[in-house]
Amino acid sequence: MGLLAGLAGIVALFAGSKSKQKVKEIKKDIKVSKKKVKKLKSDNKAIKETQKNHKKAMNDIKKEKQKKVTHDVSADEAASFLKRYTKKKK
């Protein structure tokens, strides 16, 4: 009985060392994964900031288009333009 218990203890030591190695590998993988997640979060934050800047720029461009001033054209200028336009069409 004692011999059998001793053998079981030795087998348990060998099996325990393998599980410790597996635990170390898993912890290492977790650290690597956490670093990747952290990097992806920072990349996403930068992308969102860029999108926000683009939207702001587009809104500014739209506002500028709305504020665009038309030129005051006199009747004489309009008449001369129409005469030239009709001559080109013929």
N, C-alpha and C. Protein backbone atom coordinates (compact mmCIF):
# COMPACT_ATOMS: atom_id res chain seq x y z
N MET A 1 0.82 -1.19 0.00
CA MET A 1 0.00 0.00 0.00
C MET A 1 0.87 1.26 0.00
N GLY A 2 1.88 1.26 0.80
CA GLY A 2 2.75 2.43 0.89
C GLY A 2 3.49 2.66 -0.41
N LEU A 3 3.89 1.52 -1.04
CA LEU A 3 4.59 1.62 -2.31
C LEU A 3 3.69 2.20 -3.39
N LEU A 4 2.46 1.77 -3.37
CA LEU A 4 1.48 2.27 -4.34
C LEU A 4 1.22 3.76 -4.12
N ALA A 5 1.16 4.21 -2.90
CA ALA A 5 0.95 5.62 -2.58
C ALA A 5 2.15 6.45 -3.02
N GLY A 6 3.37 5.89 -2.84
CA GLY A 6 4.58 6.59 -3.26
C GLY A 6 4.62 6.78 -4.76
N LEU A 7 4.26 5.73 -5.52
CA LEU A 7 4.21 5.83 -6.98
C LEU A 7 3.18 6.86 -7.44
N ALA A 8 2.06 6.88 -6.78
CA ALA A 8 1.02 7.85 -7.13
C ALA A 8 1.51 9.28 -6.88
N GLY A 9 2.27 9.48 -5.82
CA GLY A 9 2.82 10.80 -5.51
C GLY A 9 3.82 11.26 -6.56
N ILE A 10 4.69 10.32 -7.02
CA ILE A 10 5.67 10.65 -8.06
C ILE A 10 4.98 11.00 -9.37
N VAL A 11 3.97 10.23 -9.73
CA VAL A 11 3.20 10.50 -10.96
C VAL A 11 2.51 11.86 -10.85
N ALA A 12 2.02 12.18 -9.68
CA ALA A 12 1.35 13.46 -9.47
C ALA A 12 2.32 14.62 -9.64
N LEU A 13 3.58 14.44 -9.22
CA LEU A 13 4.59 15.50 -9.39
C LEU A 13 4.86 15.78 -10.87
N PHE A 14 5.00 14.70 -11.64
CA PHE A 14 5.24 14.89 -13.08
C PHE A 14 4.04 15.52 -13.78
N ALA A 15 2.86 15.06 -13.41
CA ALA A 15 1.64 15.61 -14.01
C ALA A 15 1.46 17.06 -13.60
N GLY A 16 1.85 17.40 -12.37
CA GLY A 16 1.72 18.77 -11.88
C GLY A 16 2.64 19.72 -12.61
N SER A 17 3.83 19.28 -12.95
CA SER A 17 4.76 20.18 -13.65
C SER A 17 4.27 20.50 -15.06
N LYS A 18 3.63 19.54 -15.69
CA LYS A 18 3.07 19.79 -17.03
C LYS A 18 1.94 20.81 -16.95
N SER A 19 1.12 20.68 -15.93
CA SER A 19 0.01 21.63 -15.80
C SER A 19 0.53 23.03 -15.48
N LYS A 20 1.64 23.10 -14.73
CA LYS A 20 2.24 24.41 -14.44
C LYS A 20 2.73 25.06 -15.73
N GLN A 21 3.31 24.26 -16.61
CA GLN A 21 3.77 24.79 -17.90
C GLN A 21 2.59 25.29 -18.73
N LYS A 22 1.51 24.54 -18.72
CA LYS A 22 0.32 24.94 -19.46
C LYS A 22 -0.24 26.25 -18.90
N VAL A 23 -0.23 26.36 -17.58
CA VAL A 23 -0.73 27.58 -16.94
C VAL A 23 0.14 28.77 -17.34
N LYS A 24 1.47 28.56 -17.36
CA LYS A 24 2.38 29.64 -17.77
C LYS A 24 2.12 30.06 -19.21
N GLU A 25 1.90 29.08 -20.09
CA GLU A 25 1.62 29.39 -21.50
C GLU A 25 0.32 30.16 -21.63
N ILE A 26 -0.67 29.74 -20.89
CA ILE A 26 -1.97 30.42 -20.94
C ILE A 26 -1.83 31.86 -20.44
N LYS A 27 -1.09 32.05 -19.34
CA LYS A 27 -0.89 33.41 -18.82
C LYS A 27 -0.15 34.28 -19.83
N LYS A 28 0.82 33.69 -20.50
CA LYS A 28 1.58 34.41 -21.52
C LYS A 28 0.66 34.81 -22.68
N ASP A 29 -0.20 33.88 -23.10
CA ASP A 29 -1.15 34.18 -24.18
C ASP A 29 -2.12 35.29 -23.77
N ILE A 30 -2.52 35.28 -22.51
CA ILE A 30 -3.44 36.31 -22.00
C ILE A 30 -2.76 37.67 -22.06
N LYS A 31 -1.50 37.75 -21.66
CA LYS A 31 -0.76 39.03 -21.70
C LYS A 31 -0.67 39.54 -23.13
N VAL A 32 -0.34 38.65 -24.07
CA VAL A 32 -0.23 39.04 -25.47
C VAL A 32 -1.58 39.54 -25.98
N SER A 33 -2.65 38.83 -25.63
CA SER A 33 -3.99 39.23 -26.05
C SER A 33 -4.37 40.60 -25.49
N LYS A 34 -4.03 40.83 -24.23
CA LYS A 34 -4.34 42.13 -23.61
C LYS A 34 -3.61 43.26 -24.32
N LYS A 35 -2.34 43.02 -24.70
CA LYS A 35 -1.59 44.04 -25.43
C LYS A 35 -2.23 44.33 -26.78
N LYS A 36 -2.69 43.27 -27.47
CA LYS A 36 -3.34 43.45 -28.77
C LYS A 36 -4.63 44.25 -28.61
N VAL A 37 -5.40 43.92 -27.60
CA VAL A 37 -6.67 44.63 -27.36
C VAL A 37 -6.40 46.10 -27.06
N LYS A 38 -5.40 46.36 -26.26
CA LYS A 38 -5.06 47.75 -25.91
C LYS A 38 -4.66 48.53 -27.16
N LYS A 39 -3.87 47.90 -28.03
CA LYS A 39 -3.45 48.55 -29.27
C LYS A 39 -4.64 48.81 -30.17
N LEU A 40 -5.53 47.84 -30.30
CA LEU A 40 -6.71 48.00 -31.15
C LEU A 40 -7.62 49.10 -30.62
N LYS A 41 -7.75 49.21 -29.30
CA LYS A 41 -8.58 50.27 -28.73
C LYS A 41 -8.01 51.64 -29.05
N SER A 42 -6.68 51.77 -28.96
CA SER A 42 -6.07 53.06 -29.28
C SER A 42 -6.21 53.37 -30.77
N ASP A 43 -6.09 52.35 -31.62
CA ASP A 43 -6.29 52.55 -33.05
C ASP A 43 -7.72 52.98 -33.36
N ASN A 44 -8.68 52.34 -32.71
CA ASN A 44 -10.09 52.70 -32.91
C ASN A 44 -10.35 54.13 -32.46
N LYS A 45 -9.73 54.52 -31.38
CA LYS A 45 -9.91 55.88 -30.87
C LYS A 45 -9.37 56.89 -31.89
N ALA A 46 -8.22 56.58 -32.48
CA ALA A 46 -7.64 57.47 -33.49
C ALA A 46 -8.53 57.54 -34.72
N ILE A 47 -9.09 56.42 -35.12
CA ILE A 47 -9.97 56.39 -36.30
C ILE A 47 -11.23 57.21 -36.03
N LYS A 48 -11.80 57.07 -34.85
CA LYS A 48 -12.99 57.84 -34.51
C LYS A 48 -12.69 59.34 -34.51
N GLU A 49 -11.53 59.71 -34.02
CA GLU A 49 -11.13 61.12 -34.01
C GLU A 49 -10.99 61.64 -35.44
N THR A 50 -10.41 60.83 -36.31
CA THR A 50 -10.26 61.22 -37.71
C THR A 50 -11.62 61.39 -38.37
N GLN A 51 -12.53 60.47 -38.11
CA GLN A 51 -13.88 60.57 -38.68
C GLN A 51 -14.57 61.84 -38.19
N LYS A 52 -14.38 62.16 -36.93
CA LYS A 52 -14.99 63.36 -36.37
C LYS A 52 -14.45 64.61 -37.07
N ASN A 53 -13.13 64.62 -37.34
CA ASN A 53 -12.52 65.76 -38.03
C ASN A 53 -13.04 65.88 -39.46
N HIS A 54 -13.22 64.74 -40.14
CA HIS A 54 -13.73 64.77 -41.50
C HIS A 54 -15.16 65.31 -41.53
N LYS A 55 -15.99 64.87 -40.59
CA LYS A 55 -17.37 65.35 -40.53
C LYS A 55 -17.40 66.86 -40.29
N LYS A 56 -16.52 67.33 -39.41
CA LYS A 56 -16.46 68.75 -39.12
C LYS A 56 -16.05 69.52 -40.37
N ALA A 57 -15.08 69.01 -41.11
CA ALA A 57 -14.62 69.66 -42.34
C ALA A 57 -15.74 69.69 -43.38
N MET A 58 -16.48 68.60 -43.50
CA MET A 58 -17.59 68.55 -44.47
C MET A 58 -18.67 69.56 -44.10
N ASN A 59 -18.97 69.68 -42.82
CA ASN A 59 -19.97 70.66 -42.39
C ASN A 59 -19.50 72.08 -42.69
N ASP A 60 -18.21 72.35 -42.49
CA ASP A 60 -17.67 73.67 -42.81
C ASP A 60 -17.79 73.98 -44.30
N ILE A 61 -17.50 72.97 -45.12
CA ILE A 61 -17.61 73.16 -46.58
C ILE A 61 -19.05 73.44 -46.97
N LYS A 62 -19.99 72.71 -46.38
CA LYS A 62 -21.40 72.93 -46.69
C LYS A 62 -21.83 74.34 -46.30
N LYS A 63 -21.36 74.80 -45.13
CA LYS A 63 -21.72 76.15 -44.69
C LYS A 63 -21.15 77.20 -45.64
N GLU A 64 -19.93 76.98 -46.12
CA GLU A 64 -19.32 77.92 -47.06
C GLU A 64 -20.09 77.98 -48.37
N LYS A 65 -20.57 76.83 -48.82
CA LYS A 65 -21.35 76.80 -50.06
C LYS A 65 -22.64 77.59 -49.89
N GLN A 66 -23.25 77.50 -48.72
CA GLN A 66 -24.49 78.22 -48.48
C GLN A 66 -24.26 79.72 -48.40
N LYS A 67 -23.11 80.13 -47.93
CA LYS A 67 -22.81 81.55 -47.78
C LYS A 67 -22.30 82.18 -49.07
N LYS A 68 -22.13 81.40 -50.12
CA LYS A 68 -21.56 81.89 -51.36
C LYS A 68 -22.40 83.05 -51.90
N VAL A 69 -21.72 84.14 -52.23
CA VAL A 69 -22.39 85.35 -52.69
C VAL A 69 -22.50 85.33 -54.21
N THR A 70 -23.69 85.64 -54.71
CA THR A 70 -23.86 85.71 -56.15
C THR A 70 -23.50 87.12 -56.60
N HIS A 71 -23.04 87.22 -57.83
CA HIS A 71 -22.64 88.51 -58.37
C HIS A 71 -23.87 89.29 -58.82
N ASP A 72 -23.84 90.59 -58.58
CA ASP A 72 -24.91 91.44 -59.07
C ASP A 72 -24.67 91.70 -60.55
N VAL A 73 -25.65 91.36 -61.35
CA VAL A 73 -25.51 91.51 -62.80
C VAL A 73 -26.52 92.56 -63.25
N SER A 74 -26.02 93.50 -64.02
CA SER A 74 -26.93 94.53 -64.53
C SER A 74 -27.68 93.99 -65.75
N ALA A 75 -28.70 94.71 -66.13
CA ALA A 75 -29.52 94.29 -67.26
C ALA A 75 -28.72 94.33 -68.56
N ASP A 76 -27.83 95.31 -68.69
CA ASP A 76 -27.03 95.40 -69.91
C ASP A 76 -26.10 94.19 -70.04
N GLU A 77 -25.48 93.81 -68.95
CA GLU A 77 -24.59 92.65 -68.99
C GLU A 77 -25.36 91.38 -69.34
N ALA A 78 -26.53 91.22 -68.77
CA ALA A 78 -27.35 90.05 -69.06
C ALA A 78 -27.76 90.04 -70.52
N ALA A 79 -28.12 91.18 -71.06
CA ALA A 79 -28.53 91.25 -72.46
C ALA A 79 -27.36 90.91 -73.38
N SER A 80 -26.18 91.44 -73.08
CA SER A 80 -25.03 91.15 -73.93
C SER A 80 -24.66 89.66 -73.85
N PHE A 81 -24.79 89.09 -72.68
CA PHE A 81 -24.50 87.66 -72.54
C PHE A 81 -25.46 86.83 -73.38
N LEU A 82 -26.73 87.18 -73.31
CA LEU A 82 -27.74 86.43 -74.08
C LEU A 82 -27.49 86.56 -75.58
N LYS A 83 -27.07 87.76 -76.03
CA LYS A 83 -26.78 87.94 -77.46
C LYS A 83 -25.62 87.04 -77.87
N ARG A 84 -24.57 87.01 -77.06
CA ARG A 84 -23.43 86.16 -77.39
C ARG A 84 -23.82 84.67 -77.35
N TYR A 85 -24.63 84.32 -76.41
CA TYR A 85 -25.05 82.92 -76.27
C TYR A 85 -25.85 82.47 -77.48
N THR A 86 -26.77 83.32 -77.94
CA THR A 86 -27.59 82.95 -79.11
C THR A 86 -26.74 82.89 -80.36
N LYS A 87 -25.71 83.75 -80.47
CA LYS A 87 -24.84 83.70 -81.65
C LYS A 87 -24.05 82.39 -81.66
N LYS A 88 -23.61 81.91 -80.50
CA LYS A 88 -22.85 80.66 -80.43
C LYS A 88 -23.74 79.49 -80.82
N LYS A 89 -25.00 79.50 -80.47
CA LYS A 89 -25.90 78.39 -80.77
C LYS A 89 -26.16 78.27 -82.27
N LYS A 90 -26.14 79.39 -83.00
CA LYS A 90 -26.45 79.35 -84.44
C LYS A 90 -25.36 78.75 -85.17
